[in-house]
C-alpha atoms as a PDB file:
ATOM      1  CA  MET A   1      33.793  81.584-151.394  1.00  0.00           C
ATOM      2  CA  THR A   2      35.451  80.207-148.619  1.00  0.00           C
ATOM      3  CA  SER A   3      36.883  82.496-145.806  1.00  0.00           C
ATOM      4  CA  ALA A   4      40.413  81.733-146.676  1.00  0.00           C
ATOM      5  CA  PHE A   5      39.902  82.314-150.346  1.00  0.00           C
ATOM      6  CA  ALA A   6      38.048  85.467-149.472  1.00  0.00           C
ATOM      7  CA  GLU A   7      40.749  86.951-147.416  1.00  0.00           C
ATOM      8  CA  ALA A   8      43.243  86.164-150.312  1.00  0.00           C
ATOM      9  CA  MET A   9      41.075  87.915-152.632  1.00  0.00           C
ATOM     10  CA  HIS A  10      40.754  90.985-150.217  1.00  0.00           C
ATOM     11  CA  LEU A  11      44.481  91.031-149.540  1.00  0.00           C
ATOM     12  CA  ARG A  12      45.432  91.027-153.295  1.00  0.00           C
ATOM     13  CA  ARG A  13      42.678  93.390-154.187  1.00  0.00           C
ATOM     14  CA  PHE A  14      43.861  95.914-151.555  1.00  0.00           C
ATOM     15  CA  GLU A  15      47.519  95.532-152.904  1.00  0.00           C
ATOM     16  CA  TYR A  16      46.470  96.000-156.361  1.00  0.00           C
ATOM     17  CA  ALA A  17      44.101  99.083-155.784  1.00  0.00           C
ATOM     18  CA  ALA A  18      46.609 100.881-153.575  1.00  0.00           C
ATOM     19  CA  ASP A  19      49.386 100.395-156.195  1.00  0.00           C
ATOM     20  CA  GLN A  20      47.113 101.226-159.031  1.00  0.00           C
ATOM     21  CA  LEU A  21      45.884 104.643-157.249  1.00  0.00           C
ATOM     22  CA  CYS A  22      49.394 105.749-156.623  1.00  0.00           C
ATOM     23  CA  SER A  23      51.968 104.524-159.118  1.00  0.00           C
ATOM     24  CA  VAL A  24      50.542 102.863-162.240  1.00  0.00           C
ATOM     25  CA  LEU A  25      48.352 106.061-163.125  1.00  0.00           C
ATOM     26  CA  ASP A  26      50.304 108.536-161.262  1.00  0.00           C
ATOM     27  CA  PHE A  27      47.628 109.334-159.000  1.00  0.00           C
ATOM     28  CA  THR A  28      49.670 111.528-156.564  1.00  0.00           C
ATOM     29  CA  LEU A  29      48.870 113.236-153.330  1.00  0.00           C
ATOM     30  CA  MET A  30      48.975 116.583-155.286  1.00  0.00           C
ATOM     31  CA  ASP A  31      46.163 115.168-157.499  1.00  0.00           C
ATOM     32  CA  ILE A  32      44.302 114.287-154.278  1.00  0.00           C
ATOM     33  CA  SER A  33      44.700 117.492-152.701  1.00  0.00           C
ATOM     34  CA  ASN A  34      43.936 119.696-155.653  1.00  0.00           C
ATOM     35  CA  CYS A  35      40.673 117.599-156.195  1.00  0.00           C
ATOM     36  CA  ALA A  36      39.710 118.088-152.768  1.00  0.00           C
ATOM     37  CA  THR A  37      39.520 121.806-153.179  1.00  0.00           C
ATOM     38  CA  VAL A  38      37.324 121.906-156.364  1.00  0.00           C
ATOM     39  CA  SER A  39      33.742 121.444-154.698  1.00  0.00           C
ATOM     40  CA  LYS A  40      32.354 120.529-151.734  1.00  0.00           C
ATOM     41  CA  LYS A  41      29.396 118.832-153.783  1.00  0.00           C
ATOM     42  CA  SER A  42      30.221 117.271-157.127  1.00  0.00           C
ATOM     43  CA  SER A  43      28.412 115.232-159.695  1.00  0.00           C
ATOM     44  CA  ILE A  44      28.931 111.405-159.443  1.00  0.00           C
ATOM     45  CA  LEU A  45      29.395 111.582-163.159  1.00  0.00           C
ATOM     46  CA  VAL A  46      32.695 113.327-164.709  1.00  0.00           C
ATOM     47  CA  PRO A  47      32.856 113.720-168.446  1.00  0.00           C
ATOM     48  CA  TRP A  48      36.048 113.011-170.008  1.00  0.00           C
ATOM     49  CA  SER A  49      35.210 113.399-173.707  1.00  0.00           C
ATOM     50  CA  THR A  50      36.259 116.658-175.547  1.00  0.00           C
ATOM     51  CA  GLY A  51      33.500 118.560-177.160  1.00  0.00           C
ATOM     52  CA  THR A  52      30.030 119.579-175.982  1.00  0.00           C
ATOM     53  CA  GLU A  53      27.748 117.231-177.997  1.00  0.00           C
ATOM     54  CA  THR A  54      26.887 113.593-177.508  1.00  0.00           C
ATOM     55  CA  ARG A  55      28.593 111.658-180.509  1.00  0.00           C
ATOM     56  CA  ASN A  56      25.993 109.292-181.208  1.00  0.00           C
ATOM     57  CA  GLY A  57      23.600 109.286-178.371  1.00  0.00           C
ATOM     58  CA  THR A  58      25.585 106.775-176.171  1.00  0.00           C
ATOM     59  CA  ALA A  59      27.223 107.587-172.784  1.00  0.00           C
ATOM     60  CA  LEU A  60      29.966 105.152-171.623  1.00  0.00           C
ATOM     61  CA  VAL A  61      29.782 105.267-168.018  1.00  0.00           C
ATOM     62  CA  CYS A  62      33.035 103.753-166.247  1.00  0.00           C
ATOM     63  CA  ILE A  63      33.099 102.518-162.648  1.00  0.00           C
ATOM     64  CA  PRO A  64      36.251 102.196-161.066  1.00  0.00           C
ATOM     65  CA  TRP A  65      37.686  99.575-158.667  1.00  0.00           C
ATOM     66  CA  ALA A  66      37.516  99.771-154.990  1.00  0.00           C
ATOM     67  CA  GLY A  67      39.164 103.068-153.663  1.00  0.00           C
ATOM     68  CA  ALA A  68      39.464 104.623-157.053  1.00  0.00           C
ATOM     69  CA  GLY A  69      37.614 107.478-158.691  1.00  0.00           C
ATOM     70  CA  ALA A  70      37.063 108.910-162.033  1.00  0.00           C
ATOM     71  CA  THR A  71      40.489 110.248-162.804  1.00  0.00           C
ATOM     72  CA  PRO A  72      41.975 106.921-164.178  1.00  0.00           C
ATOM     73  CA  PHE A  73      39.458 107.141-166.905  1.00  0.00           C
ATOM     74  CA  ARG A  74      40.469 110.755-168.139  1.00  0.00           C
ATOM     75  CA  PRO A  75      42.644 109.264-171.189  1.00  0.00           C
ATOM     76  CA  TRP A  76      39.717 107.238-172.392  1.00  0.00           C
ATOM     77  CA  GLY A  77      37.941 110.122-174.023  1.00  0.00           C
ATOM     78  CA  ALA A  78      40.609 110.155-176.723  1.00  0.00           C
ATOM     79  CA  VAL A  79      40.763 106.452-177.026  1.00  0.00           C
ATOM     80  CA  ILE A  80      36.944 105.683-177.281  1.00  0.00           C
ATOM     81  CA  GLY A  81      36.409 108.638-179.709  1.00  0.00           C
ATOM     82  CA  ASP A  82      33.225 108.771-181.602  1.00  0.00           C
ATOM     83  CA  ALA A  83      31.998 105.486-180.153  1.00  0.00           C
ATOM     84  CA  ALA A  84      30.579 106.971-177.208  1.00  0.00           C
ATOM     85  CA  ASP A  85      30.671 110.007-174.922  1.00  0.00           C
ATOM     86  CA  VAL A  86      32.910 108.778-171.816  1.00  0.00           C
ATOM     87  CA  TYR A  87      32.050 109.389-168.137  1.00  0.00           C
ATOM     88  CA  GLY A  88      34.034 108.476-165.066  1.00  0.00           C
ATOM     89  CA  VAL A  89      32.243 107.643-161.812  1.00  0.00           C
ATOM     90  CA  ARG A  90      33.345 109.359-158.841  1.00  0.00           C
ATOM     91  CA  LEU A  91      31.811 108.154-155.429  1.00  0.00           C
ATOM     92  CA  ALA A  92      31.677 110.440-152.432  1.00  0.00           C
ATOM     93  CA  GLY A  93      34.517 110.529-150.260  1.00  0.00           C
ATOM     94  CA  ARG A  94      37.294 110.854-153.105  1.00  0.00           C
ATOM     95  CA  GLU A  95      38.887 113.401-155.509  1.00  0.00           C
ATOM     96  CA  SER A  96      36.664 116.602-155.614  1.00  0.00           C
ATOM     97  CA  ARG A  97      34.153 114.757-153.440  1.00  0.00           C
ATOM     98  CA  GLN A  98      36.667 114.090-150.704  1.00  0.00           C
ATOM     99  CA  THR A  99      34.635 116.149-148.036  1.00  0.00           C
ATOM    100  CA  GLU A 100      31.561 114.216-148.587  1.00  0.00           C
ATOM    101  CA  PRO A 101      30.799 111.261-146.461  1.00  0.00           C
ATOM    102  CA  LEU A 102      31.824 107.974-147.763  1.00  0.00           C
ATOM    103  CA  PRO A 103      29.207 105.599-149.052  1.00  0.00           C
ATOM    104  CA  THR A 104      27.809 102.975-146.775  1.00  0.00           C
ATOM    105  CA  SER A 105      25.038 101.168-148.791  1.00  0.00           C
ATOM    106  CA  LEU A 106      25.505  99.863-152.395  1.00  0.00           C
ATOM    107  CA  ASP A 107      21.770 100.362-153.073  1.00  0.00           C
ATOM    108  CA  ASP A 108      22.169 104.091-152.146  1.00  0.00           C
ATOM    109  CA  VAL A 109      25.173 104.565-154.717  1.00  0.00           C
ATOM    110  CA  VAL A 110      22.996 102.783-157.482  1.00  0.00           C
ATOM    111  CA  GLU A 111      20.090 105.093-156.755  1.00  0.00           C
ATOM    112  CA  GLU A 112      22.487 108.111-156.852  1.00  0.00           C
ATOM    113  CA  LEU A 113      23.972 107.113-160.061  1.00  0.00           C
ATOM    114  CA  VAL A 114      20.574 106.249-161.851  1.00  0.00           C
ATOM    115  CA  ALA A 115      19.219 109.670-160.896  1.00  0.00           C
ATOM    116  CA  GLU A 116      22.308 111.402-162.404  1.00  0.00           C
ATOM    117  CA  LEU A 117      21.875 109.091-165.779  1.00  0.00           C
ATOM    118  CA  VAL A 118      18.303 110.481-165.843  1.00  0.00           C
ATOM    119  CA  ARG A 119      19.356 114.123-165.393  1.00  0.00           C
ATOM    120  CA  LEU A 120      22.080 113.371-168.273  1.00  0.00           C
ATOM    121  CA  ASP A 121      19.302 112.991-170.696  1.00  0.00           C
ATOM    122  CA  VAL A 122      20.766 110.636-173.050  1.00  0.00           C
ATOM    123  CA  PRO A 123      19.032 107.958-175.069  1.00  0.00           C
ATOM    124  CA  ARG A 124      21.462 105.244-174.477  1.00  0.00           C
ATOM    125  CA  VAL A 125      23.986 104.165-171.823  1.00  0.00           C
ATOM    126  CA  ALA A 126      26.923 101.477-171.893  1.00  0.00           C
ATOM    127  CA  LEU A 127      27.773 100.525-168.352  1.00  0.00           C
ATOM    128  CA  PHE A 128      31.488  99.518-167.676  1.00  0.00           C
ATOM    129  CA  GLY A 129      32.637  98.284-164.269  1.00  0.00           C
ATOM    130  CA  LEU A 130      36.199  97.076-163.280  1.00  0.00           C
ATOM    131  CA  CYS A 131      36.611  94.741-160.454  1.00  0.00           C
ATOM    132  CA  SER A 132      34.280  95.801-157.673  1.00  0.00           C
ATOM    133  CA  GLY A 133      32.953  98.479-160.132  1.00  0.00           C
ATOM    134  CA  ALA A 134      31.502  95.643-162.273  1.00  0.00           C
ATOM    135  CA  LEU A 135      28.989  94.672-159.456  1.00  0.00           C
ATOM    136  CA  LEU A 136      27.733  98.223-159.430  1.00  0.00           C
ATOM    137  CA  ALA A 137      27.443  98.180-163.179  1.00  0.00           C
ATOM    138  CA  HIS A 138      25.446  95.196-163.072  1.00  0.00           C
ATOM    139  CA  ARG A 139      23.193  96.434-160.330  1.00  0.00           C
ATOM    140  CA  THR A 140      22.665  99.847-162.094  1.00  0.00           C
ATOM    141  CA  ALA A 141      21.910  97.992-165.289  1.00  0.00           C
ATOM    142  CA  GLN A 142      19.276  95.977-163.615  1.00  0.00           C
ATOM    143  CA  ARG A 143      17.765  98.942-161.800  1.00  0.00           C
ATOM    144  CA  LEU A 144      17.535 100.790-165.007  1.00  0.00           C
ATOM    145  CA  HIS A 145      16.127  97.873-166.805  1.00  0.00           C
ATOM    146  CA  ARG A 146      13.596  97.046-163.969  1.00  0.00           C
ATOM    147  CA  SER A 147      12.197 100.649-163.641  1.00  0.00           C
ATOM    148  CA  GLY A 148      12.125 101.704-167.298  1.00  0.00           C
ATOM    149  CA  ASP A 149      13.483 105.155-166.137  1.00  0.00           C
ATOM    150  CA  GLY A 150      16.389 106.978-167.755  1.00  0.00           C
ATOM    151  CA  PRO A 151      18.418 105.922-170.863  1.00  0.00           C
ATOM    152  CA  GLU A 152      18.190 102.492-172.414  1.00  0.00           C
ATOM    153  CA  VAL A 153      20.901 100.158-171.267  1.00  0.00           C
ATOM    154  CA  ALA A 154      22.672  99.262-174.592  1.00  0.00           C
ATOM    155  CA  HIS A 155      25.839  97.187-173.172  1.00  0.00           C
ATOM    156  CA  LEU A 156      27.073  95.753-170.006  1.00  0.00           C
ATOM    157  CA  LEU A 157      30.802  95.531-169.870  1.00  0.00           C
ATOM    158  CA  VAL A 158      32.530  94.037-166.792  1.00  0.00           C
ATOM    159  CA  ALA A 159      36.202  93.179-166.013  1.00  0.00           C
ATOM    160  CA  SER A 160      38.219  91.367-163.416  1.00  0.00           C
ATOM    161  CA  GLN A 161      35.206  90.208-161.359  1.00  0.00           C
ATOM    162  CA  LEU A 162      33.157  86.913-160.449  1.00  0.00           C
ATOM    163  CA  PRO A 163      29.680  86.697-161.857  1.00  0.00           C
ATOM    164  CA  PRO A 164      27.397  88.254-159.034  1.00  0.00           C
ATOM    165  CA  ARG A 165      25.688  84.710-158.255  1.00  0.00           C
ATOM    166  CA  LEU A 166      29.188  83.390-157.423  1.00  0.00           C
ATOM    167  CA  LEU A 167      29.960  86.124-154.873  1.00  0.00           C
ATOM    168  CA  ALA A 168      29.419  84.858-151.277  1.00  0.00           C
ATOM    169  CA  ASP A 169      26.449  86.611-149.494  1.00  0.00           C
ATOM    170  CA  GLY A 170      27.924  88.899-146.881  1.00  0.00           C
ATOM    171  CA  ASP A 171      31.439  88.042-146.872  1.00  0.00           C
ATOM    172  CA  ASP A 172      33.279  89.227-143.895  1.00  0.00           C
ATOM    173  CA  GLU A 173      35.673  92.380-144.712  1.00  0.00           C
ATOM    174  CA  PRO A 174      39.350  92.141-143.921  1.00  0.00           C
ATOM    175  CA  GLU A 175      39.926  92.791-140.192  1.00  0.00           C
ATOM    176  CA  GLY A 176      42.392  94.436-138.203  1.00  0.00           C
ATOM    177  CA  ASP A 177      45.158  96.916-139.324  1.00  0.00           C
ATOM    178  CA  LEU A 178      44.426  97.464-142.904  1.00  0.00           C
ATOM    179  CA  THR A 179      47.929  98.747-143.771  1.00  0.00           C
ATOM    180  CA  ARG A 180      48.823  95.122-144.241  1.00  0.00           C
ATOM    181  CA  TYR A 181      46.770  95.130-147.283  1.00  0.00           C
ATOM    182  CA  VAL A 182      49.078  98.169-148.764  1.00  0.00           C
ATOM    183  CA  PRO A 183      52.195  97.549-150.697  1.00  0.00           C
ATOM    184  CA  GLU A 184      55.184  97.994-148.240  1.00  0.00           C
ATOM    185  CA  HIS A 185      56.563 101.053-150.228  1.00  0.00           C
ATOM    186  CA  LEU A 186      53.438 102.975-149.385  1.00  0.00           C
ATOM    187  CA  ARG A 187      53.186 102.167-145.778  1.00  0.00           C
ATOM    188  CA  GLU A 188      55.646 105.056-145.083  1.00  0.00           C
ATOM    189  CA  GLU A 189      53.447 107.724-146.573  1.00  0.00           C
ATOM    190  CA  PRO A 190      50.980 108.479-143.726  1.00  0.00           C
ATOM    191  CA  GLU A 191      49.507 111.492-145.511  1.00  0.00           C
ATOM    192  CA  LEU A 192      48.504 109.075-148.518  1.00  0.00           C
ATOM    193  CA  LEU A 193      47.349 106.431-146.244  1.00  0.00           C
ATOM    194  CA  GLU A 194      45.138 108.693-144.440  1.00  0.00           C
ATOM    195  CA  VAL A 195      43.293 109.486-147.521  1.00  0.00           C
ATOM    196  CA  LEU A 196      43.591 106.055-149.089  1.00  0.00           C
ATOM    197  CA  LEU A 197      42.763 103.548-146.474  1.00  0.00           C
ATOM    198  CA  PRO A 198      39.184 104.788-145.329  1.00  0.00           C
ATOM    199  CA  VAL A 199      38.231 104.963-149.210  1.00  0.00           C
ATOM    200  CA  LEU A 200      39.384 101.397-149.603  1.00  0.00           C
ATOM    201  CA  ALA A 201      37.878 100.126-146.407  1.00  0.00           C
ATOM    202  CA  ALA A 202      34.289 101.838-147.414  1.00  0.00           C
ATOM    203  CA  ASP A 203      34.317 100.474-150.843  1.00  0.00           C
ATOM    204  CA  MET A 204      35.337  96.972-149.661  1.00  0.00           C
ATOM    205  CA  ARG A 205      32.434  97.064-147.067  1.00  0.00           C
ATOM    206  CA  LEU A 206      30.044  97.861-149.887  1.00  0.00           C
ATOM    207  CA  VAL A 207      31.155  94.679-151.682  1.00  0.00           C
ATOM    208  CA  SER A 208      31.397  92.517-148.672  1.00  0.00           C
ATOM    209  CA  ALA A 209      27.964  93.227-147.663  1.00  0.00           C
ATOM    210  CA  TYR A 210      26.643  92.163-151.188  1.00  0.00           C
ATOM    211  CA  VAL A 211      23.779  89.718-151.067  1.00  0.00           C
ATOM    212  CA  HIS A 212      22.784  88.155-154.375  1.00  0.00           C
ATOM    213  CA  THR A 213      19.027  88.264-155.224  1.00  0.00           C
ATOM    214  CA  PRO A 214      18.476  86.240-158.346  1.00  0.00           C
ATOM    215  CA  GLU A 215      16.733  88.290-161.141  1.00  0.00           C
ATOM    216  CA  ALA A 216      16.078  87.348-164.755  1.00  0.00           C
ATOM    217  CA  PRO A 217      18.860  87.837-167.128  1.00  0.00           C
ATOM    218  CA  LEU A 218      19.283  91.073-168.784  1.00  0.00           C
ATOM    219  CA  ASP A 219      17.931  91.883-172.235  1.00  0.00           C
ATOM    220  CA  VAL A 220      21.358  93.521-172.841  1.00  0.00           C
ATOM    221  CA  PRO A 221      24.477  92.136-174.386  1.00  0.00           C
ATOM    222  CA  ILE A 222      27.274  91.625-171.913  1.00  0.00           C
ATOM    223  CA  THR A 223      31.225  91.879-172.910  1.00  0.00           C
ATOM    224  CA  VAL A 224      33.393  90.181-170.247  1.00  0.00           C
ATOM    225  CA  LEU A 225      37.274  91.584-170.407  1.00  0.00           C
ATOM    226  CA  TYR A 226      39.943  89.727-168.403  1.00  0.00           C
ATOM    227  CA  GLY A 227      43.555  90.080-168.346  1.00  0.00           C
ATOM    228  CA  GLY A 228      45.614  87.241-169.704  1.00  0.00           C
ATOM    229  CA  SER A 229      48.145  87.482-166.707  1.00  0.00           C
ATOM    230  CA  ASP A 230      45.456  87.988-163.933  1.00  0.00           C
ATOM    231  CA  ASP A 231      46.403  85.875-161.050  1.00  0.00           C
ATOM    232  CA  LEU A 232      43.329  86.560-159.040  1.00  0.00           C
ATOM    233  CA  LEU A 233      40.781  85.345-161.777  1.00  0.00           C
ATOM    234  CA  SER A 234      41.015  82.920-164.459  1.00  0.00           C
ATOM    235  CA  ARG A 235      38.937  82.595-167.808  1.00  0.00           C
ATOM    236  CA  SER A 236      36.727  79.834-166.550  1.00  0.00           C
ATOM    237  CA  GLU A 237      35.852  81.965-163.359  1.00  0.00           C
ATOM    238  CA  VAL A 238      34.359  84.544-165.260  1.00  0.00           C
ATOM    239  CA  ASP A 239      32.609  82.448-167.645  1.00  0.00           C
ATOM    240  CA  GLY A 240      29.307  82.439-165.398  1.00  0.00           C
ATOM    241  CA  TRP A 241      28.724  86.044-166.688  1.00  0.00           C
ATOM    242  CA  ARG A 242      27.159  84.402-169.798  1.00  0.00           C
ATOM    243  CA  HIS A 243      24.182  83.570-167.698  1.00  0.00           C
ATOM    244  CA  GLU A 244      23.601  87.203-166.762  1.00  0.00           C
ATOM    245  CA  THR A 245      22.234  88.071-170.418  1.00  0.00           C
ATOM    246  CA  ALA A 246      19.367  86.661-172.490  1.00  0.00           C
ATOM    247  CA  VAL A 247      20.814  88.255-175.490  1.00  0.00           C
ATOM    248  CA  ARG A 248      24.550  87.467-175.984  1.00  0.00           C
ATOM    249  CA  SER A 249      27.735  87.347-174.387  1.00  0.00           C
ATOM    250  CA  GLU A 250      31.576  87.687-175.544  1.00  0.00           C
ATOM    251  CA  PHE A 251      34.764  87.446-173.714  1.00  0.00           C
ATOM    252  CA  ARG A 252      37.819  89.363-174.656  1.00  0.00           C
ATOM    253  CA  GLU A 253      41.263  88.890-173.322  1.00  0.00           C
ATOM    254  CA  VAL A 254      43.699  91.465-172.874  1.00  0.00           C
ATOM    255  CA  ALA A 255      46.970  89.868-173.480  1.00  0.00           C
ATOM    256  CA  GLY A 256      49.562  90.205-170.561  1.00  0.00           C
ATOM    257  CA  ALA A 257      47.272  92.320-168.357  1.00  0.00           C
ATOM    258  CA  ASP A 258      47.109  91.916-164.697  1.00  0.00           C
ATOM    259  CA  HIS A 259      44.070  92.067-162.534  1.00  0.00           C
ATOM    260  CA  LEU A 260      43.480  95.855-162.847  1.00  0.00           C
ATOM    261  CA  PHE A 261      45.234  96.188-166.340  1.00  0.00           C
ATOM    262  CA  GLY A 262      48.216  98.396-165.123  1.00  0.00           C
ATOM    263  CA  GLY A 263      50.713 100.159-167.478  1.00  0.00           C
ATOM    264  CA  ALA A 264      50.092  99.682-171.297  1.00  0.00           C
ATOM    265  CA  ALA A 265      47.101  97.246-170.878  1.00  0.00           C
ATOM    266  CA  TRP A 266      45.113 100.243-169.404  1.00  0.00           C
ATOM    267  CA  ARG A 267      44.910 101.709-173.036  1.00  0.00           C
ATOM    268  CA  GLU A 268      44.492  98.243-174.499  1.00  0.00           C
ATOM    269  CA  LEU A 269      41.350  97.639-172.368  1.00  0.00           C
ATOM    270  CA  ALA A 270      39.815 100.841-173.714  1.00  0.00           C
ATOM    271  CA  GLU A 271      40.602  99.975-177.139  1.00  0.00           C
ATOM    272  CA  GLU A 272      38.901  96.570-176.478  1.00  0.00           C
ATOM    273  CA  ILE A 273      35.811  98.452-175.015  1.00  0.00           C
ATOM    274  CA  ARG A 274      35.839 100.764-178.058  1.00  0.00           C
ATOM    275  CA  ALA A 275      35.739  97.398-180.373  1.00  0.00           C
ATOM    276  CA  ALA A 276      32.995  96.071-178.320  1.00  0.00           C
ATOM    277  CA  LEU A 277      30.766  99.161-178.604  1.00  0.00           C
ATOM    278  CA  ARG A 278      31.076  98.935-182.575  1.00  0.00           C
END
C-alpha cells in the first residue's frame, strides 16, 4: 500500500472502530468500568453460548477489530445456535482485562490464543476475524495447522480485511494526535478517550508491524464476508483470500453493510457465518 492509501485506511478504520465501540453496539463507559472490576487476570476467550456442553464439538472463536473486545459478540450465541459454541476474544488491556498491559506483539497474542484453545479441549475450531482480527485469525490458523497442537481448524472466516499477502510490510502507524482519528462527537468525552485511544493505538501498532511471510495455503476452507456498502474495501480487493486455501473459498456479501457491519448488519453477519458453518 502507498503511504497515502495506508494513512487513509488508518483514518477511516480508527473512525469506524471508535464509533462502533461507543454507539453501534452501545458499548458505554459504564460497560467499560464494570468490566474493569471483574478480574485482574481473565481468559482471552469469553464464552457467549448458553448451556455448558459443546453442541457439536465445534467452537466458533470470534476475533474483533482494532480497539474492541469480546462484548460485541455476546448476541451471537443465540444467532449461531447449535452450529457451534461461540467464544469472543478479549485481548489484554480492555474490558475485564483492562488492568493488564496492552499487547505489543502479534506473535505473542497468537501464542496466548493457541494456548487457550489447547486448554479448551474441543475437537474442532472455526476462526472468525473482523478487520484487523482477520489477520490474527489467519495467523492463528497457520500456527495451529503448522504445529498440529490443539483442535483441528475446521474453517477460517474473515471479513473486511485485505489478504495477508497484500498488506504492506511494516506500514507506518498513524502519527501525531490520535484524537483526529476519532469521530468529532466523541472528542468531548475525555474519560472515554482515556480508555479508547491507548487500546486503538496498541492494536493498530500490532497490524502496522505485520510482515508477511509466505506459507503454503491452508488445508482449510475459507469464507470471506464483506459489506455491500463498504467504502474501504471492494469485492475485488478481498478476492486474493482465495489463494490462502488449498481447499475451497466462498465469498458472501451482506447487502447494505458498512466496513464493520453496523446496526442490523451485525446480526446478518452472524447469520451468514451460521450458514457458512453448515
